[in-house]
Amino acid sequence: TFTPGEALVKFDDIEGIDEAKFEVMELVDTLRNPKKYEILGARAPTGLLLEGPPGTGKTMLARATAATAGVPLLYCSGSD
């Protein structure tokens, strides 16, 4: 679980997955400015599922998303 006192990961700290970063940054904008998207008929997501092989930066991307959007992060792996 992400807590406010925890060291923050920023999108600038993440290298090599630029396309995924761009997509997630759009999600962050949705979480930060929900009224902007409600006008268009969209709703803010209640969760995000990142899937892929180990070592590809999913957890770091999730931490950066939570820190930037100011929302909680609940982490769970497939082995949990």
N, C-alpha and C. Protein backbone atom coordinates (compact mmCIF):
# COMPACT_ATOMS: atom_id res chain seq x y z
N THR A 1 0.85 -1.18 0.00
CA THR A 1 0.00 0.00 0.00
C THR A 1 0.88 1.23 0.00
N PHE A 2 0.57 2.19 -0.83
CA PHE A 2 1.30 3.45 -0.91
C PHE A 2 0.87 4.33 0.26
N THR A 3 1.84 4.89 0.95
CA THR A 3 1.54 5.83 2.02
C THR A 3 2.21 7.15 1.71
N PRO A 4 1.63 8.27 2.13
CA PRO A 4 2.16 9.59 1.78
C PRO A 4 3.61 9.82 2.20
N GLY A 5 4.10 9.22 3.26
CA GLY A 5 5.47 9.43 3.71
C GLY A 5 6.50 8.62 2.94
N GLU A 6 6.05 7.71 2.10
CA GLU A 6 6.94 6.82 1.35
C GLU A 6 7.69 7.59 0.25
N ALA A 7 8.90 7.14 -0.06
CA ALA A 7 9.68 7.77 -1.14
C ALA A 7 8.90 7.67 -2.44
N LEU A 8 8.78 8.80 -3.13
CA LEU A 8 7.96 8.85 -4.34
C LEU A 8 8.77 8.52 -5.58
N VAL A 9 8.17 7.75 -6.46
CA VAL A 9 8.74 7.47 -7.77
C VAL A 9 8.06 8.42 -8.74
N LYS A 10 8.83 9.04 -9.60
CA LYS A 10 8.29 9.96 -10.58
C LYS A 10 8.41 9.36 -11.96
N PHE A 11 7.60 9.86 -12.89
CA PHE A 11 7.66 9.35 -14.26
C PHE A 11 9.04 9.59 -14.88
N ASP A 12 9.73 10.64 -14.43
CA ASP A 12 11.09 10.91 -14.95
C ASP A 12 12.08 9.82 -14.55
N ASP A 13 11.78 9.08 -13.48
CA ASP A 13 12.66 8.00 -13.01
C ASP A 13 12.54 6.74 -13.86
N ILE A 14 11.53 6.67 -14.69
CA ILE A 14 11.25 5.45 -15.47
C ILE A 14 11.79 5.62 -16.88
N GLU A 15 12.58 4.65 -17.30
CA GLU A 15 13.20 4.68 -18.64
C GLU A 15 12.75 3.48 -19.45
N GLY A 16 12.63 3.65 -20.76
CA GLY A 16 12.47 2.53 -21.66
C GLY A 16 11.07 2.07 -21.99
N ILE A 17 10.07 2.58 -21.29
CA ILE A 17 8.70 2.17 -21.59
C ILE A 17 7.85 3.41 -21.89
N ASP A 18 8.31 4.19 -22.84
CA ASP A 18 7.70 5.48 -23.13
C ASP A 18 6.24 5.38 -23.53
N GLU A 19 5.88 4.37 -24.33
CA GLU A 19 4.49 4.22 -24.77
C GLU A 19 3.57 3.94 -23.57
N ALA A 20 4.00 3.07 -22.68
CA ALA A 20 3.21 2.76 -21.49
C ALA A 20 3.12 3.99 -20.58
N LYS A 21 4.21 4.73 -20.45
CA LYS A 21 4.20 5.95 -19.63
C LYS A 21 3.18 6.94 -20.17
N PHE A 22 3.13 7.11 -21.49
CA PHE A 22 2.19 8.05 -22.10
C PHE A 22 0.76 7.64 -21.79
N GLU A 23 0.46 6.36 -21.93
CA GLU A 23 -0.90 5.87 -21.67
C GLU A 23 -1.29 6.09 -20.21
N VAL A 24 -0.37 5.82 -19.30
CA VAL A 24 -0.67 5.95 -17.88
C VAL A 24 -0.77 7.43 -17.49
N MET A 25 -0.02 8.30 -18.14
CA MET A 25 -0.11 9.72 -17.85
C MET A 25 -1.49 10.27 -18.24
N GLU A 26 -2.11 9.71 -19.27
CA GLU A 26 -3.48 10.06 -19.60
C GLU A 26 -4.43 9.65 -18.48
N LEU A 27 -4.18 8.48 -17.89
CA LEU A 27 -4.97 8.01 -16.76
C LEU A 27 -4.81 8.96 -15.57
N VAL A 28 -3.60 9.42 -15.32
CA VAL A 28 -3.34 10.35 -14.22
C VAL A 28 -4.14 11.63 -14.44
N ASP A 29 -4.18 12.11 -15.67
CA ASP A 29 -4.96 13.32 -15.96
C ASP A 29 -6.44 13.08 -15.68
N THR A 30 -6.93 11.89 -15.98
CA THR A 30 -8.32 11.54 -15.70
C THR A 30 -8.59 11.55 -14.19
N LEU A 31 -7.65 11.04 -13.41
CA LEU A 31 -7.82 11.00 -11.96
C LEU A 31 -7.71 12.38 -11.34
N ARG A 32 -6.86 13.23 -11.89
CA ARG A 32 -6.68 14.57 -11.35
C ARG A 32 -7.80 15.53 -11.75
N ASN A 33 -8.36 15.37 -12.93
CA ASN A 33 -9.36 16.29 -13.47
C ASN A 33 -10.63 15.54 -13.89
N PRO A 34 -11.33 14.92 -12.96
CA PRO A 34 -12.49 14.12 -13.36
C PRO A 34 -13.62 14.93 -14.00
N LYS A 35 -13.78 16.18 -13.60
CA LYS A 35 -14.86 17.01 -14.17
C LYS A 35 -14.67 17.21 -15.67
N LYS A 36 -13.41 17.35 -16.10
CA LYS A 36 -13.09 17.54 -17.52
C LYS A 36 -13.61 16.36 -18.35
N TYR A 37 -13.51 15.17 -17.80
CA TYR A 37 -13.91 13.97 -18.53
C TYR A 37 -15.39 13.64 -18.34
N GLU A 38 -15.97 14.09 -17.21
CA GLU A 38 -17.40 13.86 -17.00
C GLU A 38 -18.23 14.61 -18.04
N ILE A 39 -17.72 15.76 -18.47
CA ILE A 39 -18.42 16.53 -19.50
C ILE A 39 -18.54 15.71 -20.79
N LEU A 40 -17.53 14.89 -21.05
CA LEU A 40 -17.52 14.04 -22.25
C LEU A 40 -18.26 12.72 -22.04
N GLY A 41 -18.75 12.49 -20.81
CA GLY A 41 -19.48 11.27 -20.51
C GLY A 41 -18.62 10.14 -19.98
N ALA A 42 -17.35 10.42 -19.68
CA ALA A 42 -16.45 9.39 -19.17
C ALA A 42 -16.43 9.41 -17.64
N ARG A 43 -16.08 8.28 -17.06
CA ARG A 43 -15.93 8.18 -15.61
C ARG A 43 -14.49 7.81 -15.29
N ALA A 44 -14.03 8.27 -14.14
CA ALA A 44 -12.68 7.92 -13.70
C ALA A 44 -12.64 6.43 -13.35
N PRO A 45 -11.57 5.73 -13.70
CA PRO A 45 -11.48 4.30 -13.38
C PRO A 45 -11.33 4.09 -11.88
N THR A 46 -11.81 2.95 -11.43
CA THR A 46 -11.68 2.62 -10.01
C THR A 46 -10.49 1.71 -9.75
N GLY A 47 -9.83 1.27 -10.81
CA GLY A 47 -8.67 0.41 -10.64
C GLY A 47 -7.88 0.31 -11.93
N LEU A 48 -6.71 -0.26 -11.80
CA LEU A 48 -5.81 -0.42 -12.94
C LEU A 48 -5.08 -1.75 -12.77
N LEU A 49 -5.05 -2.54 -13.82
CA LEU A 49 -4.38 -3.83 -13.80
C LEU A 49 -3.25 -3.79 -14.81
N LEU A 50 -2.02 -3.95 -14.32
CA LEU A 50 -0.84 -3.99 -15.20
C LEU A 50 -0.41 -5.44 -15.32
N GLU A 51 -0.19 -5.90 -16.54
CA GLU A 51 0.12 -7.30 -16.80
C GLU A 51 1.34 -7.37 -17.70
N GLY A 52 2.21 -8.33 -17.43
CA GLY A 52 3.38 -8.53 -18.27
C GLY A 52 4.43 -9.36 -17.55
N PRO A 53 5.51 -9.67 -18.28
CA PRO A 53 6.57 -10.49 -17.68
C PRO A 53 7.30 -9.76 -16.56
N PRO A 54 7.96 -10.51 -15.68
CA PRO A 54 8.70 -9.90 -14.58
C PRO A 54 9.82 -8.99 -15.09
N GLY A 55 10.07 -7.93 -14.33
CA GLY A 55 11.19 -7.06 -14.63
C GLY A 55 10.95 -6.02 -15.71
N THR A 56 9.69 -5.77 -16.06
CA THR A 56 9.40 -4.82 -17.14
C THR A 56 8.99 -3.44 -16.62
N GLY A 57 8.96 -3.23 -15.31
CA GLY A 57 8.68 -1.92 -14.76
C GLY A 57 7.24 -1.66 -14.36
N LYS A 58 6.44 -2.72 -14.22
CA LYS A 58 5.03 -2.54 -13.88
C LYS A 58 4.85 -1.90 -12.50
N THR A 59 5.59 -2.39 -11.51
CA THR A 59 5.44 -1.86 -10.16
C THR A 59 5.92 -0.42 -10.10
N MET A 60 7.02 -0.11 -10.75
CA MET A 60 7.53 1.26 -10.75
C MET A 60 6.54 2.20 -11.44
N LEU A 61 5.94 1.75 -12.52
CA LEU A 61 4.94 2.54 -13.23
C LEU A 61 3.72 2.77 -12.34
N ALA A 62 3.31 1.74 -11.61
CA ALA A 62 2.16 1.87 -10.71
C ALA A 62 2.47 2.84 -9.57
N ARG A 63 3.67 2.77 -9.03
CA ARG A 63 4.07 3.69 -7.95
C ARG A 63 4.11 5.13 -8.44
N ALA A 64 4.63 5.35 -9.63
CA ALA A 64 4.67 6.70 -10.19
C ALA A 64 3.26 7.22 -10.44
N THR A 65 2.37 6.35 -10.91
CA THR A 65 0.98 6.74 -11.16
C THR A 65 0.31 7.16 -9.86
N ALA A 66 0.45 6.36 -8.82
CA ALA A 66 -0.18 6.67 -7.53
C ALA A 66 0.39 7.95 -6.93
N ALA A 67 1.70 8.11 -7.00
CA ALA A 67 2.32 9.31 -6.43
C ALA A 67 1.91 10.56 -7.18
N THR A 68 1.86 10.51 -8.50
CA THR A 68 1.52 11.68 -9.30
C THR A 68 0.05 12.04 -9.18
N ALA A 69 -0.81 11.03 -9.14
CA ALA A 69 -2.25 11.28 -9.07
C ALA A 69 -2.72 11.52 -7.64
N GLY A 70 -1.89 11.15 -6.65
CA GLY A 70 -2.28 11.33 -5.25
C GLY A 70 -3.35 10.34 -4.83
N VAL A 71 -3.29 9.13 -5.36
CA VAL A 71 -4.27 8.09 -5.01
C VAL A 71 -3.55 6.92 -4.36
N PRO A 72 -4.26 6.08 -3.62
CA PRO A 72 -3.62 4.94 -2.97
C PRO A 72 -3.19 3.87 -3.97
N LEU A 73 -2.15 3.15 -3.60
CA LEU A 73 -1.66 2.03 -4.41
C LEU A 73 -1.80 0.75 -3.58
N LEU A 74 -2.53 -0.19 -4.11
CA LEU A 74 -2.65 -1.50 -3.49
C LEU A 74 -1.95 -2.47 -4.42
N TYR A 75 -0.90 -3.10 -3.95
CA TYR A 75 -0.06 -3.96 -4.76
C TYR A 75 -0.35 -5.43 -4.46
N CYS A 76 -0.43 -6.23 -5.50
CA CYS A 76 -0.63 -7.66 -5.35
C CYS A 76 0.02 -8.36 -6.53
N SER A 77 0.77 -9.41 -6.25
CA SER A 77 1.36 -10.18 -7.35
C SER A 77 0.57 -11.46 -7.53
N GLY A 78 0.80 -12.13 -8.65
CA GLY A 78 0.08 -13.37 -8.94
C GLY A 78 0.34 -14.47 -7.94
N SER A 79 1.48 -14.42 -7.28
CA SER A 79 1.81 -15.46 -6.30
C SER A 79 1.20 -15.18 -4.93
N ASP A 80 0.57 -14.03 -4.75
CA ASP A 80 -0.03 -13.68 -3.44
C ASP A 80 -1.33 -14.36 -3.21
